[in-house]
Amino acid sequence: MEKSSIVRPVILSSFVIVISLLHYLTPLHLPYLHDIFQRLYYLPMLSASPMPPIFFFNGVAT
């Protein structure tokens, strides 16, 4: 397995974790920040879309 095929999913996963922490740890009296962090969830999805789908379904095929 190439190094680039491992690095990209790790970066995307860490990006989702950071966004989740920002979203859930934001105080409730700051609703505009909740909205911003909620919209940031679209970025990892958009950046992962060019990835080959075989990576995500590798365990299903075996």
PDB file of N, CA and C in Angstrom:
ATOM      1  N   MET A   1       0.852  -1.177   0.000  1.00  0.00           N
ATOM      2  CA  MET A   1       0.000   0.000   0.000  1.00  0.00           C
ATOM      3  C   MET A   1       0.896   1.239   0.000  1.00  0.00           C
ATOM      4  N   GLU A   2       0.571   2.178  -0.840  1.00  0.00           N
ATOM      5  CA  GLU A   2       1.364   3.386  -0.953  1.00  0.00           C
ATOM      6  C   GLU A   2       1.152   4.290   0.244  1.00  0.00           C
ATOM      7  N   LYS A   3       2.142   5.114   0.483  1.00  0.00           N
ATOM      8  CA  LYS A   3       2.061   6.038   1.610  1.00  0.00           C
ATOM      9  C   LYS A   3       0.933   7.058   1.418  1.00  0.00           C
ATOM     10  N   SER A   4       0.736   7.510   0.184  1.00  0.00           N
ATOM     11  CA  SER A   4      -0.301   8.505  -0.079  1.00  0.00           C
ATOM     12  C   SER A   4      -1.701   7.931   0.130  1.00  0.00           C
ATOM     13  N   SER A   5      -1.868   6.637  -0.060  1.00  0.00           N
ATOM     14  CA  SER A   5      -3.183   6.041   0.150  1.00  0.00           C
ATOM     15  C   SER A   5      -3.508   5.888   1.633  1.00  0.00           C
ATOM     16  N   ILE A   6      -2.517   5.988   2.488  1.00  0.00           N
ATOM     17  CA  ILE A   6      -2.745   5.931   3.931  1.00  0.00           C
ATOM     18  C   ILE A   6      -2.874   7.328   4.516  1.00  0.00           C
ATOM     19  N   VAL A   7      -2.099   8.257   3.997  1.00  0.00           N
ATOM     20  CA  VAL A   7      -2.051   9.604   4.561  1.00  0.00           C
ATOM     21  C   VAL A   7      -3.367  10.346   4.358  1.00  0.00           C
ATOM     22  N   ARG A   8      -3.940  10.249   3.202  1.00  0.00           N
ATOM     23  CA  ARG A   8      -5.147  11.017   2.912  1.00  0.00           C
ATOM     24  C   ARG A   8      -6.333  10.630   3.804  1.00  0.00           C
ATOM     25  N   PRO A   9      -6.640   9.360   4.012  1.00  0.00           N
ATOM     26  CA  PRO A   9      -7.732   9.027   4.932  1.00  0.00           C
ATOM     27  C   PRO A   9      -7.450   9.433   6.376  1.00  0.00           C
ATOM     28  N   VAL A  10      -6.186   9.388   6.767  1.00  0.00           N
ATOM     29  CA  VAL A  10      -5.837   9.824   8.130  1.00  0.00           C
ATOM     30  C   VAL A  10      -6.072  11.320   8.282  1.00  0.00           C
ATOM     31  N   ILE A  11      -5.699  12.085   7.279  1.00  0.00           N
ATOM     32  CA  ILE A  11      -5.924  13.532   7.329  1.00  0.00           C
ATOM     33  C   ILE A  11      -7.411  13.839   7.347  1.00  0.00           C
ATOM     34  N   LEU A  12      -8.191  13.155   6.513  1.00  0.00           N
ATOM     35  CA  LEU A  12      -9.632  13.387   6.479  1.00  0.00           C
ATOM     36  C   LEU A  12     -10.289  13.000   7.805  1.00  0.00           C
ATOM     37  N   SER A  13      -9.860  11.899   8.374  1.00  0.00           N
ATOM     38  CA  SER A  13     -10.420  11.474   9.663  1.00  0.00           C
ATOM     39  C   SER A  13     -10.081  12.452  10.769  1.00  0.00           C
ATOM     40  N   SER A  14      -8.854  12.929  10.786  1.00  0.00           N
ATOM     41  CA  SER A  14      -8.481  13.892  11.816  1.00  0.00           C
ATOM     42  C   SER A  14      -9.224  15.213  11.634  1.00  0.00           C
ATOM     43  N   PHE A  15      -9.485  15.578  10.376  1.00  0.00           N
ATOM     44  CA  PHE A  15     -10.249  16.798  10.105  1.00  0.00           C
ATOM     45  C   PHE A  15     -11.677  16.675  10.647  1.00  0.00           C
ATOM     46  N   VAL A  16     -12.288  15.520  10.465  1.00  0.00           N
ATOM     47  CA  VAL A  16     -13.640  15.288  10.996  1.00  0.00           C
ATOM     48  C   VAL A  16     -13.630  15.311  12.517  1.00  0.00           C
ATOM     49  N   ILE A  17     -12.604  14.741  13.129  1.00  0.00           N
ATOM     50  CA  ILE A  17     -12.514  14.732  14.588  1.00  0.00           C
ATOM     51  C   ILE A  17     -12.356  16.146  15.131  1.00  0.00           C
ATOM     52  N   VAL A  18     -11.519  16.947  14.499  1.00  0.00           N
ATOM     53  CA  VAL A  18     -11.317  18.329  14.951  1.00  0.00           C
ATOM     54  C   VAL A  18     -12.599  19.135  14.800  1.00  0.00           C
ATOM     55  N   ILE A  19     -13.279  18.984  13.678  1.00  0.00           N
ATOM     56  CA  ILE A  19     -14.540  19.707  13.474  1.00  0.00           C
ATOM     57  C   ILE A  19     -15.572  19.269  14.510  1.00  0.00           C
ATOM     58  N   SER A  20     -15.633  17.991  14.800  1.00  0.00           N
ATOM     59  CA  SER A  20     -16.582  17.490  15.797  1.00  0.00           C
ATOM     60  C   SER A  20     -16.285  18.063  17.170  1.00  0.00           C
ATOM     61  N   LEU A  21     -15.021  18.084  17.538  1.00  0.00           N
ATOM     62  CA  LEU A  21     -14.663  18.667  18.836  1.00  0.00           C
ATOM     63  C   LEU A  21     -15.012  20.143  18.907  1.00  0.00           C
ATOM     64  N   LEU A  22     -14.721  20.871  17.841  1.00  0.00           N
ATOM     65  CA  LEU A  22     -15.081  22.289  17.827  1.00  0.00           C
ATOM     66  C   LEU A  22     -16.588  22.475  17.944  1.00  0.00           C
ATOM     67  N   HIS A  23     -17.324  21.657  17.247  1.00  0.00           N
ATOM     68  CA  HIS A  23     -18.777  21.786  17.247  1.00  0.00           C
ATOM     69  C   HIS A  23     -19.372  21.455  18.614  1.00  0.00           C
ATOM     70  N   TYR A  24     -18.955  20.341  19.196  1.00  0.00           N
ATOM     71  CA  TYR A  24     -19.562  19.885  20.446  1.00  0.00           C
ATOM     72  C   TYR A  24     -19.028  20.600  21.677  1.00  0.00           C
ATOM     73  N   LEU A  25     -17.870  21.206  21.594  1.00  0.00           N
ATOM     74  CA  LEU A  25     -17.321  21.919  22.747  1.00  0.00           C
ATOM     75  C   LEU A  25     -17.600  23.417  22.722  1.00  0.00           C
ATOM     76  N   THR A  26     -18.295  23.875  21.698  1.00  0.00           N
ATOM     77  CA  THR A  26     -18.664  25.284  21.622  1.00  0.00           C
ATOM     78  C   THR A  26     -19.797  25.558  22.599  1.00  0.00           C
ATOM     79  N   PRO A  27     -19.690  26.625  23.389  1.00  0.00           N
ATOM     80  CA  PRO A  27     -20.774  26.950  24.328  1.00  0.00           C
ATOM     81  C   PRO A  27     -22.093  27.208  23.595  1.00  0.00           C
ATOM     82  N   LEU A  28     -23.175  26.875  24.256  1.00  0.00           N
ATOM     83  CA  LEU A  28     -24.495  26.997  23.621  1.00  0.00           C
ATOM     84  C   LEU A  28     -24.931  28.439  23.384  1.00  0.00           C
ATOM     85  N   HIS A  29     -24.319  29.374  24.073  1.00  0.00           N
ATOM     86  CA  HIS A  29     -24.721  30.767  23.871  1.00  0.00           C
ATOM     87  C   HIS A  29     -24.057  31.387  22.635  1.00  0.00           C
ATOM     88  N   LEU A  30     -23.365  30.570  21.849  1.00  0.00           N
ATOM     89  CA  LEU A  30     -22.739  31.018  20.593  1.00  0.00           C
ATOM     90  C   LEU A  30     -23.295  30.206  19.418  1.00  0.00           C
ATOM     91  N   PRO A  31     -24.568  30.408  19.082  1.00  0.00           N
ATOM     92  CA  PRO A  31     -25.175  29.566  18.037  1.00  0.00           C
ATOM     93  C   PRO A  31     -24.574  29.775  16.648  1.00  0.00           C
ATOM     94  N   TYR A  32     -24.038  30.950  16.377  1.00  0.00           N
ATOM     95  CA  TYR A  32     -23.461  31.177  15.057  1.00  0.00           C
ATOM     96  C   TYR A  32     -22.210  30.319  14.851  1.00  0.00           C
ATOM     97  N   LEU A  33     -21.459  30.065  15.925  1.00  0.00           N
ATOM     98  CA  LEU A  33     -20.304  29.177  15.789  1.00  0.00           C
ATOM     99  C   LEU A  33     -20.731  27.737  15.552  1.00  0.00           C
ATOM    100  N   HIS A  34     -21.824  27.323  16.198  1.00  0.00           N
ATOM    101  CA  HIS A  34     -22.348  25.985  15.938  1.00  0.00           C
ATOM    102  C   HIS A  34     -22.715  25.836  14.466  1.00  0.00           C
ATOM    103  N   ASP A  35     -23.319  26.851  13.900  1.00  0.00           N
ATOM    104  CA  ASP A  35     -23.690  26.803  12.488  1.00  0.00           C
ATOM    105  C   ASP A  35     -22.466  26.723  11.584  1.00  0.00           C
ATOM    106  N   ILE A  36     -21.449  27.495  11.915  1.00  0.00           N
ATOM    107  CA  ILE A  36     -20.220  27.473  11.105  1.00  0.00           C
ATOM    108  C   ILE A  36     -19.561  26.105  11.176  1.00  0.00           C
ATOM    109  N   PHE A  37     -19.441  25.555  12.372  1.00  0.00           N
ATOM    110  CA  PHE A  37     -18.794  24.249  12.524  1.00  0.00           C
ATOM    111  C   PHE A  37     -19.626  23.140  11.892  1.00  0.00           C
ATOM    112  N   GLN A  38     -20.934  23.301  11.915  1.00  0.00           N
ATOM    113  CA  GLN A  38     -21.788  22.310  11.265  1.00  0.00           C
ATOM    114  C   GLN A  38     -21.568  22.329   9.755  1.00  0.00           C
ATOM    115  N   ARG A  39     -21.405  23.502   9.189  1.00  0.00           N
ATOM    116  CA  ARG A  39     -21.164  23.606   7.743  1.00  0.00           C
ATOM    117  C   ARG A  39     -19.783  23.097   7.356  1.00  0.00           C
ATOM    118  N   LEU A  40     -18.843  23.124   8.285  1.00  0.00           N
ATOM    119  CA  LEU A  40     -17.501  22.629   7.990  1.00  0.00           C
ATOM    120  C   LEU A  40     -17.478  21.124   7.745  1.00  0.00           C
ATOM    121  N   TYR A  41     -18.524  20.412   8.170  1.00  0.00           N
ATOM    122  CA  TYR A  41     -18.585  18.973   7.913  1.00  0.00           C
ATOM    123  C   TYR A  41     -18.632  18.657   6.418  1.00  0.00           C
ATOM    124  N   TYR A  42     -19.016  19.617   5.601  1.00  0.00           N
ATOM    125  CA  TYR A  42     -19.068  19.384   4.161  1.00  0.00           C
ATOM    126  C   TYR A  42     -17.679  19.305   3.541  1.00  0.00           C
ATOM    127  N   LEU A  43     -16.695  19.962   4.128  1.00  0.00           N
ATOM    128  CA  LEU A  43     -15.365  19.988   3.535  1.00  0.00           C
ATOM    129  C   LEU A  43     -14.709  18.606   3.441  1.00  0.00           C
ATOM    130  N   PRO A  44     -14.732  17.788   4.507  1.00  0.00           N
ATOM    131  CA  PRO A  44     -14.134  16.461   4.340  1.00  0.00           C
ATOM    132  C   PRO A  44     -14.878  15.596   3.328  1.00  0.00           C
ATOM    133  N   MET A  45     -16.192  15.771   3.249  1.00  0.00           N
ATOM    134  CA  MET A  45     -16.953  14.987   2.267  1.00  0.00           C
ATOM    135  C   MET A  45     -16.578  15.380   0.846  1.00  0.00           C
ATOM    136  N   LEU A  46     -16.421  16.668   0.620  1.00  0.00           N
ATOM    137  CA  LEU A  46     -16.055  17.126  -0.716  1.00  0.00           C
ATOM    138  C   LEU A  46     -14.629  16.732  -1.076  1.00  0.00           C
ATOM    139  N   SER A  47     -13.741  16.781  -0.108  1.00  0.00           N
ATOM    140  CA  SER A  47     -12.358  16.424  -0.419  1.00  0.00           C
ATOM    141  C   SER A  47     -12.174  14.914  -0.539  1.00  0.00           C
ATOM    142  N   ALA A  48     -13.059  14.124   0.050  1.00  0.00           N
ATOM    143  CA  ALA A  48     -12.951  12.667  -0.063  1.00  0.00           C
ATOM    144  C   ALA A  48     -13.640  12.130  -1.304  1.00  0.00           C
ATOM    145  N   SER A  49     -14.437  12.920  -1.964  1.00  0.00           N
ATOM    146  CA  SER A  49     -15.195  12.420  -3.111  1.00  0.00           C
ATOM    147  C   SER A  49     -14.330  11.939  -4.269  1.00  0.00           C
ATOM    148  N   PRO A  50     -13.163  12.528  -4.557  1.00  0.00           N
ATOM    149  CA  PRO A  50     -12.353  11.977  -5.653  1.00  0.00           C
ATOM    150  C   PRO A  50     -11.624  10.691  -5.290  1.00  0.00           C
ATOM    151  N   MET A  51     -11.688  10.244  -4.041  1.00  0.00           N
ATOM    152  CA  MET A  51     -10.995   9.022  -3.641  1.00  0.00           C
ATOM    153  C   MET A  51     -11.673   7.810  -4.267  1.00  0.00           C
ATOM    154  N   PRO A  52     -10.906   6.786  -4.588  1.00  0.00           N
ATOM    155  CA  PRO A  52     -11.525   5.584  -5.170  1.00  0.00           C
ATOM    156  C   PRO A  52     -12.418   4.882  -4.150  1.00  0.00           C
ATOM    157  N   PRO A  53     -13.594   4.468  -4.549  1.00  0.00           N
ATOM    158  CA  PRO A  53     -14.520   3.853  -3.591  1.00  0.00           C
ATOM    159  C   PRO A  53     -14.050   2.498  -3.089  1.00  0.00           C
ATOM    160  N   ILE A  54     -13.118   1.862  -3.763  1.00  0.00           N
ATOM    161  CA  ILE A  54     -12.644   0.553  -3.324  1.00  0.00           C
ATOM    162  C   ILE A  54     -11.980   0.649  -1.958  1.00  0.00           C
ATOM    163  N   PHE A  55     -11.420   1.812  -1.610  1.00  0.00           N
ATOM    164  CA  PHE A  55     -10.778   1.974  -0.299  1.00  0.00           C
ATOM    165  C   PHE A  55     -11.799   1.820   0.819  1.00  0.00           C
ATOM    166  N   PHE A  56     -12.962   2.400   0.654  1.00  0.00           N
ATOM    167  CA  PHE A  56     -13.954   2.395   1.714  1.00  0.00           C
ATOM    168  C   PHE A  56     -14.675   1.050   1.825  1.00  0.00           C
ATOM    169  N   PHE A  57     -14.800   0.315   0.741  1.00  0.00           N
ATOM    170  CA  PHE A  57     -15.540  -0.941   0.749  1.00  0.00           C
ATOM    171  C   PHE A  57     -14.623  -2.158   0.695  1.00  0.00           C
ATOM    172  N   ASN A  58     -13.386  -1.979   1.065  1.00  0.00           N
ATOM    173  CA  ASN A  58     -12.424  -3.069   0.996  1.00  0.00           C
ATOM    174  C   ASN A  58     -12.817  -4.208   1.937  1.00  0.00           C
ATOM    175  N   GLY A  59     -13.293  -3.901   3.127  1.00  0.00           N
ATOM    176  CA  GLY A  59     -13.676  -4.936   4.069  1.00  0.00           C
ATOM    177  C   GLY A  59     -14.957  -5.656   3.686  1.00  0.00           C
ATOM    178  N   VAL A  60     -15.818  -5.010   2.926  1.00  0.00           N
ATOM    179  CA  VAL A  60     -17.083  -5.616   2.527  1.00  0.00           C
ATOM    180  C   VAL A  60     -16.851  -6.700   1.484  1.00  0.00           C
ATOM    181  N   ALA A  61     -15.863  -6.510   0.638  1.00  0.00           N
ATOM    182  CA  ALA A  61     -15.633  -7.455  -0.450  1.00  0.00           C
ATOM    183  C   ALA A  61     -15.012  -8.759   0.028  1.00  0.00           C
ATOM    184  N   THR A  62     -14.389  -8.754   1.192  1.00  0.00           N
ATOM    185  CA  THR A  62     -13.727  -9.978   1.649  1.00  0.00           C
ATOM    186  C   THR A  62     -14.599 -10.795   2.563  1.00  0.00           C
TER     187      THR A  62
END
